[in-house]
Amino acid sequence: MDRRQERQEQRIDQGIQSGALTPREANRLEKGQQHVENLETKAQADGKITAKEKLRLEHAQDVQSKRIYRQKHDKQTQ
């Protein structure tokens, strides 16, 4: 999960640098990434991530990935 989280944050940073993301879009995407991190922290609280928790985390990562793609490829630019 950490590697995927890191890659998605790099995608957001790249979008900011290239101008593909507006500051507002980038802020919203960063908040989404923080939400995923919070879910992961809660899942690890008892020392073990269950299969159900893993599915939930993967789904949250999938949703966030789609949001990043959509925002980077829309007509809005900096």
PDB file of N, CA and C in Angstrom:
ATOM      1  N   MET A   1       0.813  -1.196   0.000  1.00  0.00           N
ATOM      2  CA  MET A   1       0.000   0.000   0.000  1.00  0.00           C
ATOM      3  C   MET A   1       0.859   1.263   0.000  1.00  0.00           C
ATOM      4  N   ASP A   2       1.954   1.230   0.723  1.00  0.00           N
ATOM      5  CA  ASP A   2       2.791   2.427   0.821  1.00  0.00           C
ATOM      6  C   ASP A   2       3.378   2.828  -0.523  1.00  0.00           C
ATOM      7  N   ARG A   3       3.780   1.833  -1.327  1.00  0.00           N
ATOM      8  CA  ARG A   3       4.351   2.131  -2.638  1.00  0.00           C
ATOM      9  C   ARG A   3       3.319   2.790  -3.545  1.00  0.00           C
ATOM     10  N   ARG A   4       2.104   2.264  -3.517  1.00  0.00           N
ATOM     11  CA  ARG A   4       1.045   2.828  -4.355  1.00  0.00           C
ATOM     12  C   ARG A   4       0.707   4.243  -3.891  1.00  0.00           C
ATOM     13  N   GLN A   5       0.636   4.426  -2.604  1.00  0.00           N
ATOM     14  CA  GLN A   5       0.363   5.740  -2.030  1.00  0.00           C
ATOM     15  C   GLN A   5       1.432   6.740  -2.491  1.00  0.00           C
ATOM     16  N   GLU A   6       2.668   6.307  -2.445  1.00  0.00           N
ATOM     17  CA  GLU A   6       3.780   7.160  -2.847  1.00  0.00           C
ATOM     18  C   GLU A   6       3.702   7.517  -4.333  1.00  0.00           C
ATOM     19  N   ARG A   7       3.383   6.541  -5.176  1.00  0.00           N
ATOM     20  CA  ARG A   7       3.264   6.793  -6.616  1.00  0.00           C
ATOM     21  C   ARG A   7       2.149   7.784  -6.913  1.00  0.00           C
ATOM     22  N   GLN A   8       1.039   7.654  -6.215  1.00  0.00           N
ATOM     23  CA  GLN A   8      -0.081   8.562  -6.446  1.00  0.00           C
ATOM     24  C   GLN A   8       0.261   9.976  -6.007  1.00  0.00           C
ATOM     25  N   GLU A   9       0.984  10.107  -4.926  1.00  0.00           N
ATOM     26  CA  GLU A   9       1.418  11.433  -4.496  1.00  0.00           C
ATOM     27  C   GLU A   9       2.393  12.033  -5.510  1.00  0.00           C
ATOM     28  N   GLN A  10       3.240  11.195  -6.107  1.00  0.00           N
ATOM     29  CA  GLN A  10       4.148  11.673  -7.148  1.00  0.00           C
ATOM     30  C   GLN A  10       3.361  12.139  -8.371  1.00  0.00           C
ATOM     31  N   ARG A  11       2.292  11.438  -8.706  1.00  0.00           N
ATOM     32  CA  ARG A  11       1.452  11.843  -9.837  1.00  0.00           C
ATOM     33  C   ARG A  11       0.831  13.212  -9.586  1.00  0.00           C
ATOM     34  N   ILE A  12       0.401  13.453  -8.353  1.00  0.00           N
ATOM     35  CA  ILE A  12      -0.168  14.758  -8.004  1.00  0.00           C
ATOM     36  C   ILE A  12       0.909  15.832  -8.125  1.00  0.00           C
ATOM     37  N   ASP A  13       2.092  15.564  -7.572  1.00  0.00           N
ATOM     38  CA  ASP A  13       3.194  16.535  -7.647  1.00  0.00           C
ATOM     39  C   ASP A  13       3.561  16.838  -9.097  1.00  0.00           C
ATOM     40  N   GLN A  14       3.596  15.811  -9.936  1.00  0.00           N
ATOM     41  CA  GLN A  14       3.923  15.998 -11.347  1.00  0.00           C
ATOM     42  C   GLN A  14       2.860  16.857 -12.021  1.00  0.00           C
ATOM     43  N   GLY A  15       1.595  16.645 -11.660  1.00  0.00           N
ATOM     44  CA  GLY A  15       0.507  17.448 -12.220  1.00  0.00           C
ATOM     45  C   GLY A  15       0.602  18.910 -11.824  1.00  0.00           C
ATOM     46  N   ILE A  16       1.045  19.160 -10.610  1.00  0.00           N
ATOM     47  CA  ILE A  16       1.239  20.538 -10.139  1.00  0.00           C
ATOM     48  C   ILE A  16       2.373  21.191 -10.931  1.00  0.00           C
ATOM     49  N   GLN A  17       3.490  20.471 -11.062  1.00  0.00           N
ATOM     50  CA  GLN A  17       4.655  21.018 -11.758  1.00  0.00           C
ATOM     51  C   GLN A  17       4.377  21.279 -13.234  1.00  0.00           C
ATOM     52  N   SER A  18       3.599  20.399 -13.861  1.00  0.00           N
ATOM     53  CA  SER A  18       3.331  20.563 -15.294  1.00  0.00           C
ATOM     54  C   SER A  18       2.219  21.571 -15.563  1.00  0.00           C
ATOM     55  N   GLY A  19       1.474  21.928 -14.516  1.00  0.00           N
ATOM     56  CA  GLY A  19       0.362  22.860 -14.687  1.00  0.00           C
ATOM     57  C   GLY A  19      -0.939  22.168 -15.052  1.00  0.00           C
ATOM     58  N   ALA A  20      -0.941  20.835 -15.085  1.00  0.00           N
ATOM     59  CA  ALA A  20      -2.151  20.088 -15.423  1.00  0.00           C
ATOM     60  C   ALA A  20      -3.187  20.146 -14.297  1.00  0.00           C
ATOM     61  N   LEU A  21      -2.726  20.428 -13.087  1.00  0.00           N
ATOM     62  CA  LEU A  21      -3.625  20.537 -11.934  1.00  0.00           C
ATOM     63  C   LEU A  21      -3.650  21.972 -11.437  1.00  0.00           C
ATOM     64  N   THR A  22      -4.842  22.465 -11.164  1.00  0.00           N
ATOM     65  CA  THR A  22      -4.959  23.768 -10.536  1.00  0.00           C
ATOM     66  C   THR A  22      -4.669  23.601  -9.048  1.00  0.00           C
ATOM     67  N   PRO A  23      -4.351  24.665  -8.342  1.00  0.00           N
ATOM     68  CA  PRO A  23      -4.116  24.548  -6.896  1.00  0.00           C
ATOM     69  C   PRO A  23      -5.319  23.936  -6.158  1.00  0.00           C
ATOM     70  N   ARG A  24      -6.511  24.305  -6.580  1.00  0.00           N
ATOM     71  CA  ARG A  24      -7.714  23.768  -5.929  1.00  0.00           C
ATOM     72  C   ARG A  24      -7.836  22.260  -6.161  1.00  0.00           C
ATOM     73  N   GLU A  25      -7.587  21.833  -7.398  1.00  0.00           N
ATOM     74  CA  GLU A  25      -7.646  20.396  -7.698  1.00  0.00           C
ATOM     75  C   GLU A  25      -6.594  19.634  -6.897  1.00  0.00           C
ATOM     76  N   ALA A  26      -5.380  20.179  -6.867  1.00  0.00           N
ATOM     77  CA  ALA A  26      -4.289  19.530  -6.146  1.00  0.00           C
ATOM     78  C   ALA A  26      -4.616  19.412  -4.656  1.00  0.00           C
ATOM     79  N   ASN A  27      -5.186  20.466  -4.082  1.00  0.00           N
ATOM     80  CA  ASN A  27      -5.556  20.445  -2.670  1.00  0.00           C
ATOM     81  C   ASN A  27      -6.590  19.358  -2.402  1.00  0.00           C
ATOM     82  N   ARG A  28      -7.578  19.264  -3.269  1.00  0.00           N
ATOM     83  CA  ARG A  28      -8.630  18.262  -3.104  1.00  0.00           C
ATOM     84  C   ARG A  28      -8.052  16.841  -3.215  1.00  0.00           C
ATOM     85  N   LEU A  29      -7.144  16.648  -4.164  1.00  0.00           N
ATOM     86  CA  LEU A  29      -6.526  15.332  -4.337  1.00  0.00           C
ATOM     87  C   LEU A  29      -5.640  14.980  -3.140  1.00  0.00           C
ATOM     88  N   GLU A  30      -4.939  15.964  -2.603  1.00  0.00           N
ATOM     89  CA  GLU A  30      -4.113  15.731  -1.418  1.00  0.00           C
ATOM     90  C   GLU A  30      -4.978  15.307  -0.226  1.00  0.00           C
ATOM     91  N   LYS A  31      -6.140  15.930  -0.096  1.00  0.00           N
ATOM     92  CA  LYS A  31      -7.057  15.547   0.984  1.00  0.00           C
ATOM     93  C   LYS A  31      -7.530  14.112   0.795  1.00  0.00           C
ATOM     94  N   GLY A  32      -7.766  13.724  -0.444  1.00  0.00           N
ATOM     95  CA  GLY A  32      -8.156  12.343  -0.734  1.00  0.00           C
ATOM     96  C   GLY A  32      -7.056  11.367  -0.362  1.00  0.00           C
ATOM     97  N   GLN A  33      -5.818  11.732  -0.647  1.00  0.00           N
ATOM     98  CA  GLN A  33      -4.692  10.878  -0.274  1.00  0.00           C
ATOM     99  C   GLN A  33      -4.585  10.768   1.246  1.00  0.00           C
ATOM    100  N   GLN A  34      -4.835  11.861   1.947  1.00  0.00           N
ATOM    101  CA  GLN A  34      -4.797  11.837   3.407  1.00  0.00           C
ATOM    102  C   GLN A  34      -5.875  10.910   3.953  1.00  0.00           C
ATOM    103  N   HIS A  35      -7.039  10.914   3.319  1.00  0.00           N
ATOM    104  CA  HIS A  35      -8.129  10.026   3.730  1.00  0.00           C
ATOM    105  C   HIS A  35      -7.698   8.564   3.603  1.00  0.00           C
ATOM    106  N   VAL A  36      -7.037   8.224   2.508  1.00  0.00           N
ATOM    107  CA  VAL A  36      -6.570   6.854   2.300  1.00  0.00           C
ATOM    108  C   VAL A  36      -5.534   6.504   3.364  1.00  0.00           C
ATOM    109  N   GLU A  37      -4.643   7.417   3.669  1.00  0.00           N
ATOM    110  CA  GLU A  37      -3.644   7.181   4.716  1.00  0.00           C
ATOM    111  C   GLU A  37      -4.308   6.945   6.068  1.00  0.00           C
ATOM    112  N   ASN A  38      -5.356   7.711   6.365  1.00  0.00           N
ATOM    113  CA  ASN A  38      -6.078   7.526   7.616  1.00  0.00           C
ATOM    114  C   ASN A  38      -6.738   6.151   7.677  1.00  0.00           C
ATOM    115  N   LEU A  39      -7.309   5.711   6.556  1.00  0.00           N
ATOM    116  CA  LEU A  39      -7.911   4.378   6.512  1.00  0.00           C
ATOM    117  C   LEU A  39      -6.865   3.299   6.784  1.00  0.00           C
ATOM    118  N   GLU A  40      -5.691   3.482   6.199  1.00  0.00           N
ATOM    119  CA  GLU A  40      -4.623   2.504   6.394  1.00  0.00           C
ATOM    120  C   GLU A  40      -4.157   2.481   7.848  1.00  0.00           C
ATOM    121  N   THR A  41      -4.041   3.647   8.445  1.00  0.00           N
ATOM    122  CA  THR A  41      -3.632   3.736   9.848  1.00  0.00           C
ATOM    123  C   THR A  41      -4.637   3.031  10.752  1.00  0.00           C
ATOM    124  N   LYS A  42      -5.917   3.246  10.490  1.00  0.00           N
ATOM    125  CA  LYS A  42      -6.959   2.576  11.280  1.00  0.00           C
ATOM    126  C   LYS A  42      -6.904   1.070  11.099  1.00  0.00           C
ATOM    127  N   ALA A  43      -6.672   0.631   9.869  1.00  0.00           N
ATOM    128  CA  ALA A  43      -6.624  -0.805   9.590  1.00  0.00           C
ATOM    129  C   ALA A  43      -5.446  -1.463  10.307  1.00  0.00           C
ATOM    130  N   GLN A  44      -4.337  -0.741  10.441  1.00  0.00           N
ATOM    131  CA  GLN A  44      -3.147  -1.295  11.086  1.00  0.00           C
ATOM    132  C   GLN A  44      -3.163  -1.136  12.602  1.00  0.00           C
ATOM    133  N   ALA A  45      -4.157  -0.490  13.131  1.00  0.00           N
ATOM    134  CA  ALA A  45      -4.194  -0.184  14.568  1.00  0.00           C
ATOM    135  C   ALA A  45      -4.117  -1.429  15.438  1.00  0.00           C
ATOM    136  N   ASP A  46      -4.744  -2.513  14.990  1.00  0.00           N
ATOM    137  CA  ASP A  46      -4.725  -3.735  15.799  1.00  0.00           C
ATOM    138  C   ASP A  46      -3.561  -4.653  15.425  1.00  0.00           C
ATOM    139  N   GLY A  47      -2.691  -4.186  14.550  1.00  0.00           N
ATOM    140  CA  GLY A  47      -1.502  -4.950  14.202  1.00  0.00           C
ATOM    141  C   GLY A  47      -1.652  -5.838  12.988  1.00  0.00           C
ATOM    142  N   LYS A  48      -2.860  -5.992  12.467  1.00  0.00           N
ATOM    143  CA  LYS A  48      -3.073  -6.872  11.327  1.00  0.00           C
ATOM    144  C   LYS A  48      -4.150  -6.279  10.421  1.00  0.00           C
ATOM    145  N   ILE A  49      -3.914  -6.338   9.128  1.00  0.00           N
ATOM    146  CA  ILE A  49      -4.914  -5.881   8.168  1.00  0.00           C
ATOM    147  C   ILE A  49      -5.688  -7.102   7.682  1.00  0.00           C
ATOM    148  N   THR A  50      -6.990  -7.108   7.928  1.00  0.00           N
ATOM    149  CA  THR A  50      -7.825  -8.226   7.501  1.00  0.00           C
ATOM    150  C   THR A  50      -8.085  -8.141   6.000  1.00  0.00           C
ATOM    151  N   ALA A  51      -8.622  -9.215   5.440  1.00  0.00           N
ATOM    152  CA  ALA A  51      -8.932  -9.250   4.010  1.00  0.00           C
ATOM    153  C   ALA A  51      -9.957  -8.174   3.656  1.00  0.00           C
ATOM    154  N   LYS A  52     -10.937  -7.984   4.526  1.00  0.00           N
ATOM    155  CA  LYS A  52     -11.972  -6.974   4.289  1.00  0.00           C
ATOM    156  C   LYS A  52     -11.369  -5.574   4.296  1.00  0.00           C
ATOM    157  N   GLU A  53     -10.476  -5.326   5.257  1.00  0.00           N
ATOM    158  CA  GLU A  53      -9.818  -4.023   5.329  1.00  0.00           C
ATOM    159  C   GLU A  53      -8.936  -3.790   4.100  1.00  0.00           C
ATOM    160  N   LYS A  54      -8.260  -4.841   3.650  1.00  0.00           N
ATOM    161  CA  LYS A  54      -7.408  -4.725   2.479  1.00  0.00           C
ATOM    162  C   LYS A  54      -8.236  -4.374   1.243  1.00  0.00           C
ATOM    163  N   LEU A  55      -9.386  -5.012   1.081  1.00  0.00           N
ATOM    164  CA  LEU A  55     -10.268  -4.699  -0.040  1.00  0.00           C
ATOM    165  C   LEU A  55     -10.744  -3.251   0.013  1.00  0.00           C
ATOM    166  N   ARG A  56     -11.075  -2.796   1.201  1.00  0.00           N
ATOM    167  CA  ARG A  56     -11.531  -1.411   1.367  1.00  0.00           C
ATOM    168  C   ARG A  56     -10.420  -0.423   1.001  1.00  0.00           C
ATOM    169  N   LEU A  57      -9.195  -0.721   1.439  1.00  0.00           N
ATOM    170  CA  LEU A  57      -8.056   0.137   1.113  1.00  0.00           C
ATOM    171  C   LEU A  57      -7.783   0.147  -0.388  1.00  0.00           C
ATOM    172  N   GLU A  58      -7.841  -1.015  -1.015  1.00  0.00           N
ATOM    173  CA  GLU A  58      -7.611  -1.093  -2.460  1.00  0.00           C
ATOM    174  C   GLU A  58      -8.680  -0.318  -3.224  1.00  0.00           C
ATOM    175  N   HIS A  59      -9.919  -0.427  -2.766  1.00  0.00           N
ATOM    176  CA  HIS A  59     -11.002   0.317  -3.416  1.00  0.00           C
ATOM    177  C   HIS A  59     -10.775   1.824  -3.275  1.00  0.00           C
ATOM    178  N   ALA A  60     -10.391   2.264  -2.085  1.00  0.00           N
ATOM    179  CA  ALA A  60     -10.135   3.693  -1.863  1.00  0.00           C
ATOM    180  C   ALA A  60      -8.981   4.164  -2.750  1.00  0.00           C
ATOM    181  N   GLN A  61      -7.955   3.338  -2.905  1.00  0.00           N
ATOM    182  CA  GLN A  61      -6.831   3.688  -3.777  1.00  0.00           C
ATOM    183  C   GLN A  61      -7.278   3.756  -5.234  1.00  0.00           C
ATOM    184  N   ASP A  62      -8.133   2.822  -5.656  1.00  0.00           N
ATOM    185  CA  ASP A  62      -8.647   2.825  -7.028  1.00  0.00           C
ATOM    186  C   ASP A  62      -9.435   4.100  -7.314  1.00  0.00           C
ATOM    187  N   VAL A  63     -10.304   4.467  -6.387  1.00  0.00           N
ATOM    188  CA  VAL A  63     -11.110   5.680  -6.551  1.00  0.00           C
ATOM    189  C   VAL A  63     -10.201   6.899  -6.647  1.00  0.00           C
ATOM    190  N   GLN A  64      -9.222   6.962  -5.780  1.00  0.00           N
ATOM    191  CA  GLN A  64      -8.300   8.099  -5.774  1.00  0.00           C
ATOM    192  C   GLN A  64      -7.494   8.153  -7.068  1.00  0.00           C
ATOM    193  N   SER A  65      -7.066   7.009  -7.562  1.00  0.00           N
ATOM    194  CA  SER A  65      -6.305   6.959  -8.809  1.00  0.00           C
ATOM    195  C   SER A  65      -7.129   7.498  -9.972  1.00  0.00           C
ATOM    196  N   LYS A  66      -8.382   7.122 -10.032  1.00  0.00           N
ATOM    197  CA  LYS A  66      -9.270   7.620 -11.090  1.00  0.00           C
ATOM    198  C   LYS A  66      -9.468   9.127 -10.981  1.00  0.00           C
ATOM    199  N   ARG A  67      -9.584   9.620  -9.765  1.00  0.00           N
ATOM    200  CA  ARG A  67      -9.737  11.066  -9.568  1.00  0.00           C
ATOM    201  C   ARG A  67      -8.508  11.818 -10.047  1.00  0.00           C
ATOM    202  N   ILE A  68      -7.336  11.283  -9.732  1.00  0.00           N
ATOM    203  CA  ILE A  68      -6.097  11.927 -10.160  1.00  0.00           C
ATOM    204  C   ILE A  68      -6.053  11.971 -11.682  1.00  0.00           C
ATOM    205  N   TYR A  69      -6.356  10.861 -12.318  1.00  0.00           N
ATOM    206  CA  TYR A  69      -6.327  10.815 -13.788  1.00  0.00           C
ATOM    207  C   TYR A  69      -7.291  11.834 -14.388  1.00  0.00           C
ATOM    208  N   ARG A  70      -8.529  11.829 -13.878  1.00  0.00           N
ATOM    209  CA  ARG A  70      -9.540  12.758 -14.421  1.00  0.00           C
ATOM    210  C   ARG A  70      -9.122  14.207 -14.272  1.00  0.00           C
ATOM    211  N   GLN A  71      -8.593  14.554 -13.111  1.00  0.00           N
ATOM    212  CA  GLN A  71      -8.213  15.949 -12.872  1.00  0.00           C
ATOM    213  C   GLN A  71      -7.008  16.356 -13.708  1.00  0.00           C
ATOM    214  N   LYS A  72      -6.070  15.441 -13.919  1.00  0.00           N
ATOM    215  CA  LYS A  72      -4.890  15.762 -14.699  1.00  0.00           C
ATOM    216  C   LYS A  72      -5.231  15.910 -16.186  1.00  0.00           C
ATOM    217  N   HIS A  73      -6.274  15.232 -16.634  1.00  0.00           N
ATOM    218  CA  HIS A  73      -6.587  15.219 -18.061  1.00  0.00           C
ATOM    219  C   HIS A  73      -7.826  16.032 -18.436  1.00  0.00           C
ATOM    220  N   ASP A  74      -8.325  16.846 -17.506  1.00  0.00           N
ATOM    221  CA  ASP A  74      -9.444  17.708 -17.863  1.00  0.00           C
ATOM    222  C   ASP A  74      -8.906  18.979 -18.509  1.00  0.00           C
ATOM    223  N   LYS A  75      -9.800  19.841 -18.906  1.00  0.00           N
ATOM    224  CA  LYS A  75      -9.400  21.046 -19.652  1.00  0.00           C
ATOM    225  C   LYS A  75      -8.846  22.160 -18.757  1.00  0.00           C
ATOM    226  N   GLN A  76      -9.010  22.026 -17.441  1.00  0.00           N
ATOM    227  CA  GLN A  76      -8.510  23.059 -16.526  1.00  0.00           C
ATOM    228  C   GLN A  76      -6.985  22.941 -16.388  1.00  0.00           C
ATOM    229  N   THR A  77      -6.342  24.082 -16.444  1.00  0.00           N
ATOM    230  CA  THR A  77      -4.906  24.140 -16.217  1.00  0.00           C
ATOM    231  C   THR A  77      -4.601  25.338 -15.336  1.00  0.00           C
ATOM    232  N   GLN A  78      -3.392  25.364 -14.836  1.00  0.00           N
ATOM    233  CA  GLN A  78      -2.974  26.475 -13.979  1.00  0.00           C
ATOM    234  C   GLN A  78      -2.830  27.731 -14.756  1.00  0.00           C
TER     235      GLN A  78
END
